[in-house]
């Protein structure tokens, strides 16, 4: 009876680990999509709303949730506190909160490069940089969707199969 309970726990744990790994791929795709949405809103705020950058960042972040929104909210907070350039504020927010996201280095470097261009040029140039960042992120999203389809199913199966192997070896 004790072996059966242990076997069920091992099987359940392995399966949950596999599902959690698969969820990371889905999270990455969703967060890139959120990031694209934030950039589109930011483009609208800068291009049509003529909104000051801290307020534009705050409004753009309102359309997202979780760690993606937190990056832009924290950047807006740092800009409001004063003394920090957009580049430094965004870089500090990314350094501080990037580990909470499921995104990887290509997305990080696109956001950092965008921060280098925001706030230092005219509106049209900022919009051009926002569109460039969006194009880079769209390519990454396509790759992330492909990885999610390919590796998500593999991790779910692998978690269950590895746990099943441990159970068989236990018995």
C-alpha atoms as a PDB file:
ATOM      1  CA  UNK A   1       0.000   0.000   0.000  1.00  0.00           C
ATOM      2  CA  UNK A   2       2.850   2.384   0.868  1.00  0.00           C
ATOM      3  CA  UNK A   3       4.623   1.564  -2.399  1.00  0.00           C
ATOM      4  CA  UNK A   4       1.457   2.257  -4.339  1.00  0.00           C
ATOM      5  CA  UNK A   5       1.050   5.658  -2.661  1.00  0.00           C
ATOM      6  CA  UNK A   6       4.706   6.478  -3.372  1.00  0.00           C
ATOM      7  CA  UNK A   7       4.329   5.379  -6.987  1.00  0.00           C
ATOM      8  CA  UNK A   8       1.283   7.588  -7.444  1.00  0.00           C
ATOM      9  CA  UNK A   9       3.105  10.566  -5.907  1.00  0.00           C
ATOM     10  CA  UNK A  10       6.140  10.040  -8.147  1.00  0.00           C
ATOM     11  CA  UNK A  11       3.926   9.692 -11.214  1.00  0.00           C
ATOM     12  CA  UNK A  12       1.960  12.805 -10.306  1.00  0.00           C
ATOM     13  CA  UNK A  13       5.110  14.811  -9.561  1.00  0.00           C
ATOM     14  CA  UNK A  14       6.814  13.877 -12.803  1.00  0.00           C
ATOM     15  CA  UNK A  15       3.710  14.666 -14.798  1.00  0.00           C
ATOM     16  CA  UNK A  16       3.331  18.052 -13.116  1.00  0.00           C
ATOM     17  CA  UNK A  17       6.983  18.888 -13.761  1.00  0.00           C
ATOM     18  CA  UNK A  18       6.495  18.087 -17.438  1.00  0.00           C
ATOM     19  CA  UNK A  19       3.353  20.205 -17.612  1.00  0.00           C
ATOM     20  CA  UNK A  20       5.121  23.092 -15.877  1.00  0.00           C
ATOM     21  CA  UNK A  21       7.976  22.986 -18.383  1.00  0.00           C
ATOM     22  CA  UNK A  22       5.454  22.943 -21.236  1.00  0.00           C
ATOM     23  CA  UNK A  23       3.679  25.929 -19.663  1.00  0.00           C
ATOM     24  CA  UNK A  24       6.917  27.941 -19.801  1.00  0.00           C
ATOM     25  CA  UNK A  25       6.788  27.737 -23.594  1.00  0.00           C
ATOM     26  CA  UNK A  26       3.169  28.920 -23.596  1.00  0.00           C
ATOM     27  CA  UNK A  27       4.036  31.709 -21.135  1.00  0.00           C
ATOM     28  CA  UNK A  28       6.824  32.954 -23.388  1.00  0.00           C
ATOM     29  CA  UNK A  29       4.501  33.181 -26.381  1.00  0.00           C
ATOM     30  CA  UNK A  30       1.827  34.975 -24.358  1.00  0.00           C
ATOM     31  CA  UNK A  31       4.307  37.437 -22.851  1.00  0.00           C
ATOM     32  CA  UNK A  32       5.783  38.298 -26.239  1.00  0.00           C
ATOM     33  CA  UNK A  33       2.238  38.944 -27.450  1.00  0.00           C
ATOM     34  CA  UNK A  34       1.651  41.193 -24.409  1.00  0.00           C
ATOM     35  CA  UNK A  35       4.899  43.015 -25.099  1.00  0.00           C
ATOM     36  CA  UNK A  36       3.804  43.612 -28.699  1.00  0.00           C
ATOM     37  CA  UNK A  37       0.482  44.953 -27.454  1.00  0.00           C
ATOM     38  CA  UNK A  38       2.255  47.324 -25.042  1.00  0.00           C
ATOM     39  CA  UNK A  39       4.488  48.592 -27.853  1.00  0.00           C
ATOM     40  CA  UNK A  40       1.450  49.204 -30.083  1.00  0.00           C
ATOM     41  CA  UNK A  41      -0.256  51.163 -27.316  1.00  0.00           C
ATOM     42  CA  UNK A  42       2.951  53.089 -26.665  1.00  0.00           C
ATOM     43  CA  UNK A  43       3.176  53.944 -30.360  1.00  0.00           C
ATOM     44  CA  UNK A  44      -0.396  55.238 -30.252  1.00  0.00           C
ATOM     45  CA  UNK A  45       0.261  57.296 -27.122  1.00  0.00           C
ATOM     46  CA  UNK A  46       3.411  58.850 -28.579  1.00  0.00           C
ATOM     47  CA  UNK A  47       2.157  59.289 -32.131  1.00  0.00           C
ATOM     48  CA  UNK A  48      -1.411  60.432 -31.671  1.00  0.00           C
ATOM     49  CA  UNK A  49      -1.812  61.301 -28.027  1.00  0.00           C
ATOM     50  CA  UNK A  50       1.299  63.462 -27.712  1.00  0.00           C
ATOM     51  CA  UNK A  51       1.514  62.045 -24.191  1.00  0.00           C
ATOM     52  CA  UNK A  52       4.635  62.612 -22.056  1.00  0.00           C
ATOM     53  CA  UNK A  53       6.729  59.450 -21.931  1.00  0.00           C
ATOM     54  CA  UNK A  54       6.201  58.481 -18.260  1.00  0.00           C
ATOM     55  CA  UNK A  55       2.441  58.755 -18.670  1.00  0.00           C
ATOM     56  CA  UNK A  56       2.552  56.987 -22.041  1.00  0.00           C
ATOM     57  CA  UNK A  57       4.491  54.099 -20.496  1.00  0.00           C
ATOM     58  CA  UNK A  58       1.971  53.868 -17.663  1.00  0.00           C
ATOM     59  CA  UNK A  59      -1.005  53.886 -20.025  1.00  0.00           C
ATOM     60  CA  UNK A  60       0.591  51.321 -22.329  1.00  0.00           C
ATOM     61  CA  UNK A  61       1.319  49.038 -19.365  1.00  0.00           C
ATOM     62  CA  UNK A  62      -2.325  49.233 -18.311  1.00  0.00           C
ATOM     63  CA  UNK A  63      -3.205  46.989 -21.248  1.00  0.00           C
ATOM     64  CA  UNK A  64      -0.926  44.178 -20.102  1.00  0.00           C
ATOM     65  CA  UNK A  65      -0.628  42.041 -17.014  1.00  0.00           C
ATOM     66  CA  UNK A  66       2.031  40.399 -14.925  1.00  0.00           C
ATOM     67  CA  UNK A  67       5.741  40.917 -15.399  1.00  0.00           C
ATOM     68  CA  UNK A  68       5.450  42.619 -18.798  1.00  0.00           C
ATOM     69  CA  UNK A  69       3.301  45.402 -17.377  1.00  0.00           C
ATOM     70  CA  UNK A  70       5.565  45.638 -14.332  1.00  0.00           C
ATOM     71  CA  UNK A  71       8.584  46.390 -16.544  1.00  0.00           C
ATOM     72  CA  UNK A  72       6.922  49.427 -18.074  1.00  0.00           C
ATOM     73  CA  UNK A  73       5.298  50.591 -14.854  1.00  0.00           C
ATOM     74  CA  UNK A  74       8.644  50.454 -13.081  1.00  0.00           C
ATOM     75  CA  UNK A  75      10.245  52.400 -15.937  1.00  0.00           C
ATOM     76  CA  UNK A  76       7.531  55.078 -15.647  1.00  0.00           C
ATOM     77  CA  UNK A  77       8.077  55.250 -11.875  1.00  0.00           C
ATOM     78  CA  UNK A  78      11.811  55.742 -12.314  1.00  0.00           C
ATOM     79  CA  UNK A  79      11.207  58.516 -14.862  1.00  0.00           C
ATOM     80  CA  UNK A  80       8.757  60.267 -12.563  1.00  0.00           C
ATOM     81  CA  UNK A  81      11.224  60.101  -9.683  1.00  0.00           C
ATOM     82  CA  UNK A  82      13.484  62.164 -11.911  1.00  0.00           C
ATOM     83  CA  UNK A  83      17.141  62.115 -12.650  1.00  0.00           C
ATOM     84  CA  UNK A  84      17.081  58.985 -14.799  1.00  0.00           C
ATOM     85  CA  UNK A  85      17.190  58.911 -18.565  1.00  0.00           C
ATOM     86  CA  UNK A  86      14.721  56.626 -20.351  1.00  0.00           C
ATOM     87  CA  UNK A  87      17.582  54.380 -21.336  1.00  0.00           C
ATOM     88  CA  UNK A  88      18.761  53.949 -17.751  1.00  0.00           C
ATOM     89  CA  UNK A  89      15.261  53.630 -16.307  1.00  0.00           C
ATOM     90  CA  UNK A  90      14.230  50.908 -18.765  1.00  0.00           C
ATOM     91  CA  UNK A  91      17.512  49.065 -18.422  1.00  0.00           C
ATOM     92  CA  UNK A  92      17.206  49.079 -14.618  1.00  0.00           C
ATOM     93  CA  UNK A  93      13.598  47.870 -14.803  1.00  0.00           C
ATOM     94  CA  UNK A  94      14.605  45.079 -17.192  1.00  0.00           C
ATOM     95  CA  UNK A  95      17.557  44.055 -15.029  1.00  0.00           C
ATOM     96  CA  UNK A  96      15.290  44.019 -11.998  1.00  0.00           C
ATOM     97  CA  UNK A  97      12.261  42.234 -13.430  1.00  0.00           C
ATOM     98  CA  UNK A  98      13.372  40.164 -16.407  1.00  0.00           C
ATOM     99  CA  UNK A  99      13.904  37.015 -14.361  1.00  0.00           C
ATOM    100  CA  UNK A 100      10.172  37.037 -13.568  1.00  0.00           C
ATOM    101  CA  UNK A 101       9.306  36.678 -17.242  1.00  0.00           C
ATOM    102  CA  UNK A 102       9.447  33.582 -19.421  1.00  0.00           C
ATOM    103  CA  UNK A 103      11.088  35.554 -22.218  1.00  0.00           C
ATOM    104  CA  UNK A 104      14.634  35.028 -23.396  1.00  0.00           C
ATOM    105  CA  UNK A 105      17.641  37.078 -24.449  1.00  0.00           C
ATOM    106  CA  UNK A 106      16.450  38.106 -27.963  1.00  0.00           C
ATOM    107  CA  UNK A 107      13.358  39.749 -26.490  1.00  0.00           C
ATOM    108  CA  UNK A 108      15.448  41.348 -23.762  1.00  0.00           C
ATOM    109  CA  UNK A 109      17.888  42.856 -26.228  1.00  0.00           C
ATOM    110  CA  UNK A 110      15.014  44.213 -28.373  1.00  0.00           C
ATOM    111  CA  UNK A 111      13.554  45.991 -25.321  1.00  0.00           C
ATOM    112  CA  UNK A 112      16.970  47.330 -24.279  1.00  0.00           C
ATOM    113  CA  UNK A 113      17.639  48.631 -27.822  1.00  0.00           C
ATOM    114  CA  UNK A 114      14.235  50.297 -27.811  1.00  0.00           C
ATOM    115  CA  UNK A 115      15.074  51.985 -24.512  1.00  0.00           C
ATOM    116  CA  UNK A 116      18.238  53.380 -26.064  1.00  0.00           C
ATOM    117  CA  UNK A 117      16.131  55.189 -28.685  1.00  0.00           C
ATOM    118  CA  UNK A 118      13.107  56.337 -26.672  1.00  0.00           C
ATOM    119  CA  UNK A 119      13.018  59.849 -25.337  1.00  0.00           C
ATOM    120  CA  UNK A 120      16.058  61.139 -27.212  1.00  0.00           C
ATOM    121  CA  UNK A 121      14.600  61.861 -30.617  1.00  0.00           C
ATOM    122  CA  UNK A 122      11.514  63.283 -32.268  1.00  0.00           C
ATOM    123  CA  UNK A 123       8.174  61.528 -32.365  1.00  0.00           C
ATOM    124  CA  UNK A 124       8.567  60.036 -35.858  1.00  0.00           C
ATOM    125  CA  UNK A 125      11.934  58.524 -34.991  1.00  0.00           C
ATOM    126  CA  UNK A 126      10.553  57.032 -31.781  1.00  0.00           C
ATOM    127  CA  UNK A 127       7.652  55.524 -33.723  1.00  0.00           C
ATOM    128  CA  UNK A 128      10.118  54.074 -36.225  1.00  0.00           C
ATOM    129  CA  UNK A 129      12.079  52.460 -33.376  1.00  0.00           C
ATOM    130  CA  UNK A 130       8.868  51.110 -31.812  1.00  0.00           C
ATOM    131  CA  UNK A 131       7.921  49.527 -35.137  1.00  0.00           C
ATOM    132  CA  UNK A 132      11.381  48.030 -35.529  1.00  0.00           C
ATOM    133  CA  UNK A 133      11.184  46.511 -32.053  1.00  0.00           C
ATOM    134  CA  UNK A 134       7.701  45.186 -32.851  1.00  0.00           C
ATOM    135  CA  UNK A 135       8.970  43.576 -36.054  1.00  0.00           C
ATOM    136  CA  UNK A 136      11.802  41.876 -34.170  1.00  0.00           C
ATOM    137  CA  UNK A 137       9.394  40.664 -31.502  1.00  0.00           C
ATOM    138  CA  UNK A 138       6.948  39.343 -34.093  1.00  0.00           C
ATOM    139  CA  UNK A 139       9.708  37.188 -35.534  1.00  0.00           C
ATOM    140  CA  UNK A 140      10.534  35.943 -32.038  1.00  0.00           C
ATOM    141  CA  UNK A 141       6.854  35.242 -31.386  1.00  0.00           C
ATOM    142  CA  UNK A 142       6.665  33.067 -34.490  1.00  0.00           C
ATOM    143  CA  UNK A 143       9.691  31.108 -33.268  1.00  0.00           C
ATOM    144  CA  UNK A 144       8.212  30.858 -29.777  1.00  0.00           C
ATOM    145  CA  UNK A 145       4.930  29.500 -31.164  1.00  0.00           C
ATOM    146  CA  UNK A 146       6.888  26.909 -33.138  1.00  0.00           C
ATOM    147  CA  UNK A 147       8.861  25.908 -30.025  1.00  0.00           C
ATOM    148  CA  UNK A 148       5.669  25.750 -27.996  1.00  0.00           C
ATOM    149  CA  UNK A 149       4.078  23.374 -30.480  1.00  0.00           C
ATOM    150  CA  UNK A 150       7.181  21.219 -30.777  1.00  0.00           C
ATOM    151  CA  UNK A 151       8.572  21.139 -27.257  1.00  0.00           C
ATOM    152  CA  UNK A 152       5.411  21.631 -25.194  1.00  0.00           C
ATOM    153  CA  UNK A 153       4.012  18.255 -26.153  1.00  0.00           C
ATOM    154  CA  UNK A 154       7.437  16.669 -25.718  1.00  0.00           C
ATOM    155  CA  UNK A 155       7.803  17.972 -22.140  1.00  0.00           C
ATOM    156  CA  UNK A 156       4.339  16.796 -21.151  1.00  0.00           C
ATOM    157  CA  UNK A 157       5.097  13.318 -22.464  1.00  0.00           C
ATOM    158  CA  UNK A 158       8.633  13.290 -21.093  1.00  0.00           C
ATOM    159  CA  UNK A 159       7.505  14.220 -17.580  1.00  0.00           C
ATOM    160  CA  UNK A 160       4.993  11.386 -17.499  1.00  0.00           C
ATOM    161  CA  UNK A 161       7.346   8.854 -19.105  1.00  0.00           C
ATOM    162  CA  UNK A 162      10.269   9.679 -16.811  1.00  0.00           C
ATOM    163  CA  UNK A 163       8.013   9.373 -13.777  1.00  0.00           C
ATOM    164  CA  UNK A 164       6.667   6.079 -15.104  1.00  0.00           C
ATOM    165  CA  UNK A 165      10.240   4.794 -15.507  1.00  0.00           C
ATOM    166  CA  UNK A 166      11.038   5.720 -11.902  1.00  0.00           C
ATOM    167  CA  UNK A 167       7.868   3.955 -10.741  1.00  0.00           C
ATOM    168  CA  UNK A 168       8.774   0.816 -12.694  1.00  0.00           C
ATOM    169  CA  UNK A 169      12.274   0.846 -11.226  1.00  0.00           C
ATOM    170  CA  UNK A 170      10.824   1.361  -7.738  1.00  0.00           C
ATOM    171  CA  UNK A 171       8.546  -1.661  -8.014  1.00  0.00           C
END
